[in-house]
Amino acid sequence: MTRDRVHTLLVQDQGAQLLDPDGQWLAQLDPVDPDLVPALRRRLPARASVQLVFATTHLTVRCQPAPRLSRRERAAVQQRLLREEESPEAQNSAQVLDPDPLAEGGHVLWLASQPRRELDLWLDALKKAGARAVFALPWPRAFLPETRSDRPGSVYLTRVSGAGHLLCFRGRALTYLRVFPWPEGLDPDTRSEPDQLVLGSLVSAELSRLLQFIRQKHRDLVLATLDAVGLPAVPALTRVAGSLGLELTPLEPDLAAFLKAGADRERRRKDGLDLIPEASRDSLDRRMARALVWTAAAGLILIGLGTRVWHGRHEASLEREAVRAEAARDRRRALAQEAEHAARQRFGLLRLRRAEQRQGQAVAQLERLGLGLFTVPSGVQLERLEILQLPGDAVRHRFTVAGAAVTRRGFSMGPLADYLLQLADYPGLDLEPLQEVVVTDRRSGEAPGFRPEQALTRFQLRGTAP
């Protein structure tokens, strides 16, 4: 049952009308009828939610301007007004504070009270019928002109519990509530001339009192329309309203539907005027909380069972995936081992081939280098030649050459210079600076003890080459 699918029970002195969530009439109920509970059980679905609208003559409603009051201050005002009533019966009461810019203090305090026995009778009957009372509203509150903020004042004419009622609102405050007797047998929809005269006279007198009250208490309040609720726009009412400067507006021909709409509007408010006592609301809240707890527990159990089934299936699926993953891993490992074995064997062959290639390259380079070093020009004699292979990836050699350049007719440095120029033409050869050079040149007649002419240069070369 959703929050908006709520039945309505309109309680009056002559009995109560039961309406479905759409506002359709279901039954007329008598509170003293012993068949009351079975009748409710027949008309209401199981665990139905019901809101009550009390329109009895024992109901008391007050409105007074007030500043912003705390919850404790409003409760104190409520208790003081209950003591002032001095009712012999136990009273049930409720209050609510509404913001109202037209009220002195900026707020209006609504207070409603009624005999506790009237509410308990219906609460007990609904409970025995398997229904739940969710809200109880005093009927004048349903007339609160929430959607009619375009005008500061509104006047309503209606017939409730066999009596006529005039209600005048100024902003959100009920400033005037007049109950006047309705002649027995007077049908408001009658078209007979005598009944029209009686109805016109009755309404005219009451409207005159209302307008006089407004002129004395609220001079700034201008009334322009008279809204009829539950009454037809008969000529007598139109004529009386026009004579007093008001325009008759048939607002709603069905009083029960009008009150139900007002009760729905008030119930949806965050802080509506609810006559159900706090203790009863707490009991309802506890029952709702208990039902929610049991529902949540059942939901958790179902979720747990579902989670367990899902976990079992998921675990089996993971086990299958693990078996497949292990098989794939073993296959990959075998393939990797085979590839590693093949690579190791191939790498050995490659290393051997690379070593052979390197050795062949080293022998060829050594042969070329030796040939280049041993090829000397005329007059140069080599005494010592050392060639060493340097470590590293590239094949390079370090060499040391020791020898002498000998001439008989010219300078001995000439053959050495020719040898150095020859070595400079060798590709990639890098000579170090000469460190050991001894030059001995002699000519005839320079000293006693003449010997044949001889020029001698001893040298030692170092360098690197491929």
Protein backbone atom coordinates (compact mmCIF):
# COMPACT_ATOMS: atom_id res chain seq x y z
CA MET A 1 0.00 0.00 0.00
CA THR A 2 1.61 3.23 -1.11
CA ARG A 3 1.38 6.45 0.77
CA ASP A 4 -1.15 7.96 -1.66
CA ARG A 5 -3.47 4.92 -1.65
CA VAL A 6 -5.21 5.97 1.54
CA HIS A 7 -8.89 5.55 2.37
CA THR A 8 -10.80 8.38 4.04
CA LEU A 9 -13.30 8.22 6.90
CA LEU A 10 -15.42 11.39 7.25
CA VAL A 11 -16.81 11.34 10.81
CA GLN A 12 -19.95 13.43 11.54
CA ASP A 13 -22.62 13.41 14.24
CA GLN A 14 -24.96 11.24 12.14
CA GLY A 15 -22.27 8.65 11.35
CA ALA A 16 -19.30 8.35 9.05
CA GLN A 17 -18.74 8.08 5.30
CA LEU A 18 -16.05 5.77 4.00
CA LEU A 19 -14.29 6.85 0.77
CA ASP A 20 -11.81 4.91 -1.32
CA PRO A 21 -8.41 6.40 -2.32
CA ASP A 22 -10.02 7.91 -5.43
CA GLY A 23 -12.71 9.71 -3.41
CA GLN A 24 -15.55 7.35 -4.35
CA TRP A 25 -18.20 6.63 -1.72
CA LEU A 26 -17.98 3.10 -0.26
CA ALA A 27 -20.30 2.94 2.76
CA GLN A 28 -22.21 4.85 5.42
CA LEU A 29 -21.14 3.66 8.89
CA ASP A 30 -22.79 3.99 12.28
CA PRO A 31 -20.42 4.06 15.30
CA VAL A 32 -23.01 2.39 17.56
CA ASP A 33 -23.76 -0.38 15.06
CA PRO A 34 -22.50 -3.77 16.39
CA ASP A 35 -21.75 -4.69 12.78
CA LEU A 36 -19.26 -1.78 12.46
CA VAL A 37 -16.05 -3.85 12.50
CA PRO A 38 -17.32 -6.50 10.01
CA ALA A 39 -18.53 -3.68 7.74
CA LEU A 40 -15.09 -2.07 7.81
CA ARG A 41 -13.45 -5.43 7.17
CA ARG A 42 -15.68 -6.02 4.15
CA ARG A 43 -15.04 -2.61 2.60
CA LEU A 44 -11.33 -2.23 3.34
CA PRO A 45 -8.47 -4.28 1.88
CA ALA A 46 -6.11 -6.06 4.24
CA ARG A 47 -3.81 -3.72 6.16
CA ALA A 48 -5.39 -0.65 4.57
CA SER A 49 -4.27 2.85 5.53
CA VAL A 50 -7.10 5.17 6.61
CA GLN A 51 -7.16 8.90 7.33
CA LEU A 52 -9.94 10.38 9.47
CA VAL A 53 -11.62 13.77 9.05
CA PHE A 54 -13.59 14.81 12.14
CA ALA A 55 -16.56 17.12 11.50
CA THR A 56 -18.50 16.68 14.74
CA THR A 57 -20.08 19.35 16.90
CA HIS A 58 -17.79 18.43 19.81
CA LEU A 59 -14.74 19.52 17.86
CA THR A 60 -13.10 22.81 18.90
CA VAL A 61 -10.71 24.74 16.65
CA ARG A 62 -8.83 27.90 17.59
CA CYS A 63 -6.40 30.09 15.67
CA GLN A 64 -4.37 32.87 17.17
CA PRO A 65 -1.42 34.95 15.92
CA ALA A 66 1.91 34.16 17.53
CA PRO A 67 5.63 34.72 17.11
CA ARG A 68 7.92 31.85 16.26
CA LEU A 69 7.47 29.34 19.12
CA SER A 70 9.52 26.32 20.04
CA ARG A 71 7.92 22.91 20.39
CA ARG A 72 7.93 23.20 24.18
CA GLU A 73 6.28 26.63 24.11
CA ARG A 74 3.56 25.39 21.76
CA ALA A 75 2.91 22.42 24.05
CA ALA A 76 2.57 24.81 27.02
CA VAL A 77 0.01 26.93 25.13
CA GLN A 78 -1.87 23.79 24.18
CA GLN A 79 -2.11 22.62 27.80
CA ARG A 80 -3.26 26.05 28.99
CA LEU A 81 -6.07 26.18 26.44
CA LEU A 82 -7.17 22.66 27.39
CA ARG A 83 -7.40 23.72 31.03
CA GLU A 84 -9.47 26.73 30.03
CA GLU A 85 -12.07 24.54 28.33
CA GLU A 86 -12.88 22.72 31.61
CA SER A 87 -14.46 19.80 29.75
CA PRO A 88 -15.74 16.92 31.91
CA GLU A 89 -14.47 14.47 29.30
CA ALA A 90 -10.91 13.56 28.54
CA GLN A 91 -9.81 15.68 25.63
CA ASN A 92 -7.55 14.87 22.74
CA SER A 93 -5.71 17.84 21.23
CA ALA A 94 -3.19 18.84 18.60
CA GLN A 95 -1.42 22.01 17.51
CA VAL A 96 0.70 23.28 14.64
CA LEU A 97 2.45 26.57 13.91
CA ASP A 98 2.14 27.98 10.37
CA PRO A 99 4.13 30.88 8.90
CA ASP A 100 1.72 33.64 7.89
CA PRO A 101 2.89 37.09 6.76
CA LEU A 102 -0.60 38.53 7.40
CA ALA A 103 -0.59 37.48 11.06
CA GLU A 104 0.82 39.57 13.89
CA GLY A 105 4.15 37.98 14.79
CA GLY A 106 4.47 36.33 11.41
CA HIS A 107 2.85 33.03 12.46
CA VAL A 108 -0.55 31.58 13.31
CA LEU A 109 -1.03 28.83 15.88
CA TRP A 110 -3.72 26.25 15.12
CA LEU A 111 -5.16 24.34 18.10
CA ALA A 112 -7.79 21.61 17.85
CA SER A 113 -9.39 19.47 20.55
CA GLN A 114 -12.17 16.87 20.77
CA PRO A 115 -13.39 14.23 23.23
CA ARG A 116 -10.95 11.36 23.38
CA ARG A 117 -13.75 8.78 23.22
CA GLU A 118 -14.68 9.80 19.65
CA LEU A 119 -11.17 9.18 18.34
CA ASP A 120 -10.61 6.01 20.39
CA LEU A 121 -13.86 4.50 19.10
CA TRP A 122 -12.73 4.72 15.47
CA LEU A 123 -9.11 3.85 16.17
CA ASP A 124 -10.21 0.69 17.97
CA ALA A 125 -12.69 -0.24 15.20
CA LEU A 126 -10.05 0.21 12.49
CA LYS A 127 -7.52 -1.82 14.45
CA LYS A 128 -9.98 -4.71 14.89
CA ALA A 129 -10.80 -4.55 11.18
CA GLY A 130 -7.11 -4.99 10.29
CA ALA A 131 -6.68 -1.41 9.08
CA ARG A 132 -4.28 1.30 10.22
CA ALA A 133 -5.17 4.90 11.05
CA VAL A 134 -2.44 7.12 9.61
CA PHE A 135 -3.85 10.62 10.09
CA ALA A 136 -6.73 12.48 11.78
CA LEU A 137 -7.70 16.00 10.72
CA PRO A 138 -10.16 18.57 12.10
CA TRP A 139 -12.41 19.44 9.16
CA PRO A 140 -11.89 23.27 9.12
CA ARG A 141 -8.22 22.65 8.40
CA ALA A 142 -9.18 21.06 5.07
CA PHE A 143 -10.53 24.50 3.96
CA LEU A 144 -7.17 26.14 4.41
CA PRO A 145 -6.72 28.06 1.14
CA GLU A 146 -3.17 26.92 0.35
CA THR A 147 -3.62 27.19 -3.39
CA ARG A 148 -5.52 30.51 -3.22
CA SER A 149 -2.77 32.92 -2.22
CA ASP A 150 -3.97 35.43 -4.81
CA ARG A 151 -6.43 36.90 -2.30
CA PRO A 152 -5.89 37.52 1.43
CA GLY A 153 -9.36 36.42 2.56
CA SER A 154 -11.79 33.63 1.70
CA VAL A 155 -15.34 32.85 2.88
CA TYR A 156 -16.86 29.36 2.69
CA LEU A 157 -20.49 28.31 3.15
CA THR A 158 -21.23 24.66 3.79
CA ARG A 159 -23.51 22.26 5.65
CA VAL A 160 -21.87 19.78 8.05
CA SER A 161 -23.50 17.41 10.57
CA GLY A 162 -26.98 18.82 9.89
CA ALA A 163 -25.97 22.44 10.56
CA GLY A 164 -24.87 25.37 8.44
CA HIS A 165 -21.31 26.69 8.72
CA LEU A 166 -19.63 29.90 7.66
CA LEU A 167 -15.81 29.91 7.66
CA CYS A 168 -13.69 32.99 7.00
CA PHE A 169 -9.93 32.77 6.48
CA ARG A 170 -7.46 35.63 6.61
CA GLY A 171 -4.24 34.30 5.22
CA ARG A 172 -3.71 30.95 6.99
CA ALA A 173 -5.77 31.86 10.05
CA LEU A 174 -9.39 30.84 10.63
CA THR A 175 -10.74 34.18 11.84
CA TYR A 176 -14.45 33.35 11.88
CA LEU A 177 -16.34 30.07 12.31
CA ARG A 178 -20.09 30.43 12.67
CA VAL A 179 -22.42 27.46 13.20
CA PHE A 180 -26.09 28.19 12.59
CA PRO A 181 -29.07 25.84 12.72
CA TRP A 182 -30.33 24.35 9.51
CA PRO A 183 -34.10 23.89 9.47
CA GLU A 184 -35.06 20.24 9.48
CA GLY A 185 -36.35 19.12 6.12
CA LEU A 186 -34.85 22.09 4.25
CA ASP A 187 -33.27 20.69 1.10
CA PRO A 188 -30.48 23.02 -0.15
CA ASP A 189 -31.20 21.89 -3.71
CA THR A 190 -34.87 22.73 -3.54
CA ARG A 191 -36.42 25.04 -6.13
CA SER A 192 -39.65 25.76 -4.29
CA GLU A 193 -40.28 29.41 -3.54
CA PRO A 194 -40.99 29.00 0.23
CA ASP A 195 -37.80 26.99 0.76
CA GLN A 196 -35.84 29.50 -1.28
CA LEU A 197 -37.11 32.30 0.94
CA VAL A 198 -36.18 30.43 4.13
CA LEU A 199 -32.72 29.59 2.78
CA GLY A 200 -32.13 33.16 1.60
CA SER A 201 -33.22 34.65 4.90
CA LEU A 202 -31.06 32.21 6.87
CA VAL A 203 -27.90 32.80 4.84
CA SER A 204 -28.46 36.55 4.61
CA ALA A 205 -28.58 36.93 8.40
CA GLU A 206 -25.41 34.90 8.89
CA LEU A 207 -23.51 36.68 6.14
CA SER A 208 -24.50 40.04 7.59
CA ARG A 209 -23.09 39.04 10.97
CA LEU A 210 -19.90 37.90 9.27
CA LEU A 211 -19.42 41.11 7.33
CA GLN A 212 -20.12 43.19 10.44
CA PHE A 213 -17.48 41.17 12.31
CA ILE A 214 -14.98 41.69 9.49
CA ARG A 215 -15.60 45.46 9.46
CA GLN A 216 -15.01 45.65 13.22
CA LYS A 217 -12.04 43.25 13.62
CA HIS A 218 -10.31 43.20 10.25
CA ARG A 219 -10.93 46.44 8.40
CA ASP A 220 -8.11 45.75 5.96
CA LEU A 221 -9.69 42.46 4.83
CA VAL A 222 -11.71 42.80 1.61
CA LEU A 223 -14.05 39.91 0.73
CA ALA A 224 -15.23 39.56 -2.84
CA THR A 225 -16.50 35.97 -3.22
CA LEU A 226 -18.56 33.44 -1.32
CA ASP A 227 -17.41 29.86 -2.01
CA ALA A 228 -20.15 27.25 -1.61
CA VAL A 229 -18.97 23.75 -0.70
CA GLY A 230 -21.46 20.91 -0.79
CA LEU A 231 -24.25 23.35 -1.73
CA PRO A 232 -25.69 24.11 -5.17
CA ALA A 233 -25.76 27.60 -6.63
CA VAL A 234 -29.49 28.07 -6.15
CA PRO A 235 -31.03 31.47 -6.96
CA ALA A 236 -31.59 32.33 -3.29
CA LEU A 237 -27.89 32.04 -2.48
CA THR A 238 -26.88 33.95 -5.59
CA ARG A 239 -29.34 36.72 -4.78
CA VAL A 240 -28.23 37.04 -1.14
CA ALA A 241 -24.53 37.08 -2.02
CA GLY A 242 -25.08 39.72 -4.68
CA SER A 243 -27.04 41.94 -2.32
CA LEU A 244 -24.08 41.91 0.10
CA GLY A 245 -21.50 42.64 -2.58
CA LEU A 246 -20.22 39.07 -2.91
CA GLU A 247 -20.00 36.75 -5.89
CA LEU A 248 -21.26 33.21 -5.27
CA THR A 249 -18.86 30.53 -6.49
CA PRO A 250 -19.93 26.84 -6.34
CA LEU A 251 -16.52 25.47 -5.38
CA GLU A 252 -17.25 21.76 -4.91
CA PRO A 253 -20.68 20.07 -4.89
CA ASP A 254 -19.40 17.04 -2.94
CA LEU A 255 -18.39 17.98 0.60
CA ALA A 256 -16.78 14.59 1.32
CA ALA A 257 -14.56 14.80 -1.77
CA PHE A 258 -13.56 18.36 -0.85
CA LEU A 259 -12.61 17.38 2.70
CA LYS A 260 -10.71 14.33 1.45
CA ALA A 261 -8.63 16.51 -0.89
CA GLY A 262 -7.85 18.89 1.99
CA ALA A 263 -6.90 15.98 4.26
CA ASP A 264 -4.60 14.55 1.57
CA ARG A 265 -2.94 17.93 1.21
CA GLU A 266 -2.44 18.30 4.95
CA ARG A 267 -1.21 14.73 5.42
CA ARG A 268 1.51 15.22 2.83
CA ARG A 269 2.86 18.22 4.70
CA LYS A 270 5.95 17.70 6.83
CA ASP A 271 4.23 19.14 9.93
CA GLY A 272 0.48 18.66 9.45
CA LEU A 273 -2.22 19.07 12.09
CA ASP A 274 -2.75 15.48 13.27
CA LEU A 275 -5.25 14.60 16.01
CA ILE A 276 -3.84 11.10 16.53
CA PRO A 277 -2.09 11.19 19.95
CA GLU A 278 1.66 10.92 20.09
CA ALA A 279 1.47 7.62 21.97
CA SER A 280 -0.73 6.08 19.28
CA ARG A 281 1.56 7.40 16.57
CA ASP A 282 4.50 5.90 18.42
CA SER A 283 2.68 2.58 18.55
CA LEU A 284 1.99 2.78 14.83
CA ASP A 285 5.57 3.74 14.23
CA ARG A 286 6.74 0.80 16.33
CA ARG A 287 4.55 -1.58 14.37
CA MET A 288 5.80 -0.14 11.13
CA ALA A 289 9.39 -0.32 12.39
CA ARG A 290 8.83 -3.93 13.47
CA ALA A 291 7.41 -4.77 10.06
CA LEU A 292 10.32 -3.02 8.39
CA VAL A 293 12.79 -4.90 10.61
CA TRP A 294 11.21 -8.26 9.78
CA THR A 295 11.10 -7.35 6.11
CA ALA A 296 14.72 -6.26 6.22
CA ALA A 297 15.69 -9.45 8.06
CA ALA A 298 13.89 -11.59 5.49
CA GLY A 299 15.57 -9.59 2.73
CA LEU A 300 18.97 -10.09 4.35
CA ILE A 301 18.35 -13.82 4.67
CA LEU A 302 17.36 -14.04 1.01
CA ILE A 303 20.36 -11.95 0.07
CA GLY A 304 22.59 -14.22 2.18
CA LEU A 305 21.20 -17.36 0.55
CA GLY A 306 21.54 -15.81 -2.88
CA THR A 307 25.07 -14.70 -2.08
CA ARG A 308 25.97 -18.18 -0.87
CA VAL A 309 24.63 -19.79 -4.05
CA TRP A 310 26.38 -17.21 -6.17
CA HIS A 311 29.58 -17.64 -4.17
CA GLY A 312 29.45 -21.42 -4.66
CA ARG A 313 28.94 -21.08 -8.38
CA HIS A 314 31.60 -18.43 -8.59
CA GLU A 315 34.04 -20.59 -6.62
CA ALA A 316 33.42 -23.57 -8.94
CA SER A 317 33.92 -21.29 -11.93
CA LEU A 318 37.18 -20.01 -10.43
CA GLU A 319 38.37 -23.58 -9.82
CA ARG A 320 37.71 -24.46 -13.45
CA GLU A 321 39.52 -21.34 -14.56
CA ALA A 322 42.43 -22.22 -12.26
CA VAL A 323 42.70 -25.74 -13.75
CA ARG A 324 42.67 -24.31 -17.26
CA ALA A 325 45.23 -21.67 -16.27
CA GLU A 326 47.54 -24.31 -14.75
CA ALA A 327 47.32 -26.43 -17.91
CA ALA A 328 48.07 -23.39 -20.05
CA ARG A 329 50.97 -22.47 -17.75
CA ASP A 330 52.46 -25.99 -18.05
CA ARG A 331 52.17 -25.80 -21.82
CA ARG A 332 53.84 -22.41 -21.90
CA ARG A 333 56.57 -23.61 -19.55
CA ALA A 334 57.29 -26.66 -21.74
CA LEU A 335 57.42 -24.46 -24.81
CA ALA A 336 59.73 -22.02 -23.03
CA GLN A 337 62.06 -24.85 -21.93
CA GLU A 338 62.19 -26.22 -25.46
CA ALA A 339 62.92 -22.75 -26.82
CA GLU A 340 65.60 -22.21 -24.17
CA HIS A 341 67.26 -25.56 -24.98
CA ALA A 342 67.21 -24.80 -28.69
CA ALA A 343 68.54 -21.31 -28.07
CA ARG A 344 71.33 -22.66 -25.84
CA GLN A 345 72.43 -25.11 -28.50
CA ARG A 346 72.17 -22.52 -31.21
CA PHE A 347 73.97 -19.98 -29.08
CA GLY A 348 76.87 -22.38 -28.62
CA LEU A 349 77.11 -22.84 -32.36
CA LEU A 350 76.85 -19.09 -32.84
CA ARG A 351 79.60 -18.46 -30.30
CA LEU A 352 81.83 -21.03 -31.97
CA ARG A 353 81.15 -19.53 -35.38
CA ARG A 354 81.72 -16.04 -34.02
CA ALA A 355 85.01 -17.16 -32.44
CA GLU A 356 86.11 -18.69 -35.70
CA GLN A 357 85.20 -15.53 -37.55
CA ARG A 358 87.02 -13.38 -34.99
CA GLN A 359 90.10 -15.59 -35.12
CA GLY A 360 90.15 -15.48 -38.90
CA GLN A 361 89.74 -11.73 -38.83
CA ALA A 362 92.54 -11.39 -36.26
CA VAL A 363 94.90 -13.57 -38.32
CA ALA A 364 94.15 -11.61 -41.49
CA GLN A 365 94.66 -8.26 -39.75
CA LEU A 366 97.85 -9.51 -38.08
CA GLU A 367 99.14 -10.66 -41.47
CA ARG A 368 98.39 -7.30 -43.08
CA LEU A 369 99.89 -5.36 -40.17
CA GLY A 370 103.03 -7.51 -40.15
CA LEU A 371 103.45 -7.10 -43.85
CA GLY A 372 103.08 -3.33 -43.52
CA LEU A 373 105.60 -3.13 -40.67
CA PHE A 374 108.16 -5.47 -42.23
CA THR A 375 108.14 -3.62 -45.56
CA VAL A 376 110.90 -1.05 -44.94
CA PRO A 377 112.62 1.35 -47.35
CA SER A 378 116.31 1.05 -48.28
CA GLY A 379 118.62 1.92 -45.43
CA VAL A 380 116.26 0.84 -42.61
CA GLN A 381 117.08 -2.27 -40.66
CA LEU A 382 114.60 -3.77 -38.13
CA GLU A 383 116.07 -5.29 -35.04
CA ARG A 384 112.92 -6.10 -33.00
CA LEU A 385 109.15 -6.23 -33.76
CA GLU A 386 106.46 -7.03 -31.18
CA ILE A 387 102.73 -7.24 -32.01
CA LEU A 388 100.09 -7.80 -29.26
CA GLN A 389 96.28 -8.14 -29.69
CA LEU A 390 94.36 -5.73 -27.49
CA PRO A 391 91.29 -6.95 -25.48
CA GLY A 392 87.81 -5.85 -26.56
CA ASP A 393 85.11 -6.56 -29.06
CA ALA A 394 86.98 -4.91 -31.94
CA VAL A 395 90.17 -6.58 -33.18
CA ARG A 396 93.09 -4.17 -32.69
CA HIS A 397 96.83 -4.68 -32.21
CA ARG A 398 99.57 -2.84 -30.38
CA PHE A 399 103.02 -2.97 -31.92
CA THR A 400 106.57 -1.96 -31.00
CA VAL A 401 109.26 -1.57 -33.67
CA ALA A 402 112.99 -1.10 -32.88
CA GLY A 403 115.62 -0.64 -35.58
CA ALA A 404 118.24 1.57 -37.21
CA ALA A 405 118.62 3.67 -40.31
CA VAL A 406 122.14 3.49 -41.81
CA THR A 407 123.56 5.54 -44.71
CA ARG A 408 127.09 6.16 -46.04
CA ARG A 409 126.63 9.22 -48.18
CA GLY A 410 123.65 11.14 -46.70
CA PHE A 411 121.87 11.87 -43.44
CA SER A 412 120.54 8.79 -41.70
CA MET A 413 117.20 10.45 -40.79
CA GLY A 414 116.07 10.29 -44.42
CA PRO A 415 115.29 6.55 -44.53
CA LEU A 416 113.55 6.83 -41.16
CA ALA A 417 111.33 9.63 -42.46
CA ASP A 418 110.46 7.52 -45.50
CA TYR A 419 109.52 4.63 -43.19
CA LEU A 420 107.27 6.90 -41.10
CA LEU A 421 105.50 8.25 -44.20
CA GLN A 422 104.94 4.69 -45.38
CA LEU A 423 103.38 3.72 -42.05
CA ALA A 424 101.14 6.81 -42.08
CA ASP A 425 99.49 5.50 -45.27
CA TYR A 426 98.41 2.30 -43.49
CA PRO A 427 94.59 2.44 -42.86
CA GLY A 428 93.69 2.90 -39.18
CA LEU A 429 97.28 2.91 -37.91
CA ASP A 430 97.93 5.32 -35.03
CA LEU A 431 101.57 6.13 -34.19
CA GLU A 432 102.62 7.43 -30.83
CA PRO A 433 105.19 10.27 -30.67
CA LEU A 434 108.81 9.19 -31.07
CA GLN A 435 110.35 8.62 -27.68
CA GLU A 436 113.74 6.98 -28.39
CA VAL A 437 115.79 8.32 -31.35
CA VAL A 438 119.60 8.30 -31.40
CA VAL A 439 121.29 9.96 -34.39
CA THR A 440 125.04 9.44 -35.07
CA ASP A 441 126.35 10.99 -38.32
CA ARG A 442 130.18 11.26 -39.11
CA ARG A 443 132.07 12.81 -41.97
CA SER A 444 135.72 12.31 -43.09
CA GLY A 445 138.34 14.65 -41.83
CA GLU A 446 136.43 15.61 -38.67
CA ALA A 447 138.58 13.62 -36.28
CA PRO A 448 141.84 11.73 -36.21
CA GLY A 449 141.65 8.08 -37.00
CA PHE A 450 139.73 8.22 -40.21
CA ARG A 451 137.24 5.40 -40.96
CA PRO A 452 134.83 4.98 -43.84
CA GLU A 453 131.83 7.34 -43.82
CA GLN A 454 128.87 6.09 -41.79
CA ALA A 455 125.53 7.76 -40.66
CA LEU A 456 123.44 5.92 -38.08
CA THR A 457 120.00 6.60 -36.46
CA ARG A 458 118.54 4.22 -33.95
CA PHE A 459 114.76 4.43 -33.28
CA GLN A 460 111.87 2.78 -31.47
CA LEU A 461 108.24 3.19 -32.65
CA ARG A 462 105.01 2.34 -30.82
CA GLY A 463 101.39 2.50 -31.99
CA THR A 464 98.11 0.70 -32.59
CA ALA A 465 96.48 -0.57 -35.76
CA PRO A 466 93.62 -2.86 -36.78
